[in-house]
Amino acid sequence: MTLEVKTPQALAPPLCIWLDGHRHVVRSLGEAVDLLNRGTGHPLARYSELLVHQLETASTAELQARAWQAFQTWIEALRATAMIGTRCAA
């Protein structure tokens, strides 16, 4: 699924996420959805259905910014449970 981001500046900076030994760079809501739909092998992935819905339905700049923040929060939850995820330098 490809989602257009109407306000790319609201989604900066991209996130670098290390999951299952692979580095993923997420620069858009669409890439975030793709990552979540692929599955991460992490137990929290079982609880990402509502997050995917939020990312997919963000139709305004404000909703996109909130969806991106929700994805960043999800990444922080992965960190808190011993998975590594870091921000990219751009």
Protein backbone atom coordinates (compact mmCIF):
# COMPACT_ATOMS: atom_id res chain seq x y z
CA MET A 1 0.00 0.00 0.00
CA THR A 2 1.31 3.44 -0.91
CA LEU A 3 0.12 6.47 1.01
CA GLU A 4 0.88 9.97 -0.14
CA VAL A 5 2.14 12.31 2.52
CA LYS A 6 0.90 15.82 1.95
CA THR A 7 3.24 17.42 4.48
CA PRO A 8 6.62 15.64 4.46
CA GLN A 9 8.07 18.14 6.92
CA ALA A 10 5.60 16.93 9.55
CA LEU A 11 7.10 13.46 9.30
CA ALA A 12 10.75 14.41 9.61
CA PRO A 13 13.11 13.03 10.72
CA PRO A 14 12.97 9.55 9.24
CA LEU A 15 13.29 6.66 11.65
CA CYS A 16 15.95 3.96 11.46
CA ILE A 17 14.63 0.82 13.05
CA TRP A 18 16.54 -2.36 13.71
CA LEU A 19 14.16 -5.30 13.81
CA ASP A 20 15.03 -8.96 13.58
CA GLY A 21 18.60 -8.07 12.66
CA HIS A 22 17.62 -5.85 9.71
CA ARG A 23 17.81 -2.08 9.41
CA HIS A 24 14.62 -0.41 8.16
CA VAL A 25 14.47 3.27 7.28
CA VAL A 26 10.94 4.61 7.54
CA ARG A 27 10.33 7.94 5.83
CA SER A 28 6.57 7.93 5.32
CA LEU A 29 3.31 6.64 6.67
CA GLY A 30 3.15 4.18 3.78
CA GLU A 31 6.54 2.74 4.68
CA ALA A 32 5.42 2.48 8.31
CA VAL A 33 2.30 0.54 7.23
CA ASP A 34 4.40 -1.74 5.04
CA LEU A 35 6.74 -2.48 7.95
CA LEU A 36 3.86 -3.23 10.31
CA ASN A 37 2.06 -5.41 7.77
CA ARG A 38 5.21 -7.46 7.11
CA GLY A 39 5.37 -8.33 10.76
CA THR A 40 8.29 -7.72 13.02
CA GLY A 41 8.54 -10.92 15.00
CA HIS A 42 8.11 -8.80 18.12
CA PRO A 43 5.24 -9.59 20.51
CA LEU A 44 3.97 -6.00 20.26
CA ALA A 45 3.24 -6.56 16.56
CA ARG A 46 0.12 -8.43 17.62
CA TYR A 47 -1.26 -5.13 18.91
CA SER A 48 -0.54 -2.94 15.90
CA GLU A 49 -3.88 -3.32 14.06
CA LEU A 50 -5.29 -0.02 15.34
CA LEU A 51 -2.02 1.74 14.60
CA VAL A 52 -2.10 0.47 11.02
CA HIS A 53 -5.67 1.75 10.72
CA GLN A 54 -4.62 5.17 12.03
CA LEU A 55 -1.70 5.35 9.58
CA GLU A 56 -3.84 4.27 6.63
CA THR A 57 -6.69 6.69 7.27
CA ALA A 58 -4.71 9.85 8.08
CA SER A 59 -6.18 12.15 5.44
CA THR A 60 -5.23 15.62 6.67
CA ALA A 61 -1.90 17.16 7.63
CA GLU A 62 -2.91 17.15 11.30
CA LEU A 63 -3.98 13.50 11.24
CA GLN A 64 -0.79 12.54 9.40
CA ALA A 65 1.33 14.29 12.05
CA ARG A 66 -0.60 12.49 14.80
CA ALA A 67 -0.26 9.16 13.01
CA TRP A 68 3.50 9.69 12.64
CA GLN A 69 3.72 10.49 16.37
CA ALA A 70 1.78 7.32 17.14
CA PHE A 71 4.22 5.30 15.04
CA GLN A 72 7.17 6.92 16.82
CA THR A 73 5.54 6.02 20.15
CA TRP A 74 5.17 2.42 18.98
CA ILE A 75 8.88 2.38 18.14
CA GLU A 76 9.62 3.68 21.64
CA ALA A 77 7.58 0.79 23.04
CA LEU A 78 9.78 -1.60 21.07
CA ARG A 79 12.85 0.04 22.59
CA ALA A 80 11.37 -0.30 26.06
CA THR A 81 10.99 -4.02 25.49
CA ALA A 82 14.60 -4.59 24.45
CA MET A 83 14.25 -4.05 20.71
CA ILE A 84 16.55 -1.49 19.13
CA GLY A 85 15.21 1.44 17.13
CA THR A 86 17.00 4.72 16.54
CA ARG A 87 16.42 7.89 14.62
CA CYS A 88 18.28 8.48 11.41
CA ALA A 89 20.53 11.46 10.92
CA ALA A 90 18.51 12.13 7.68
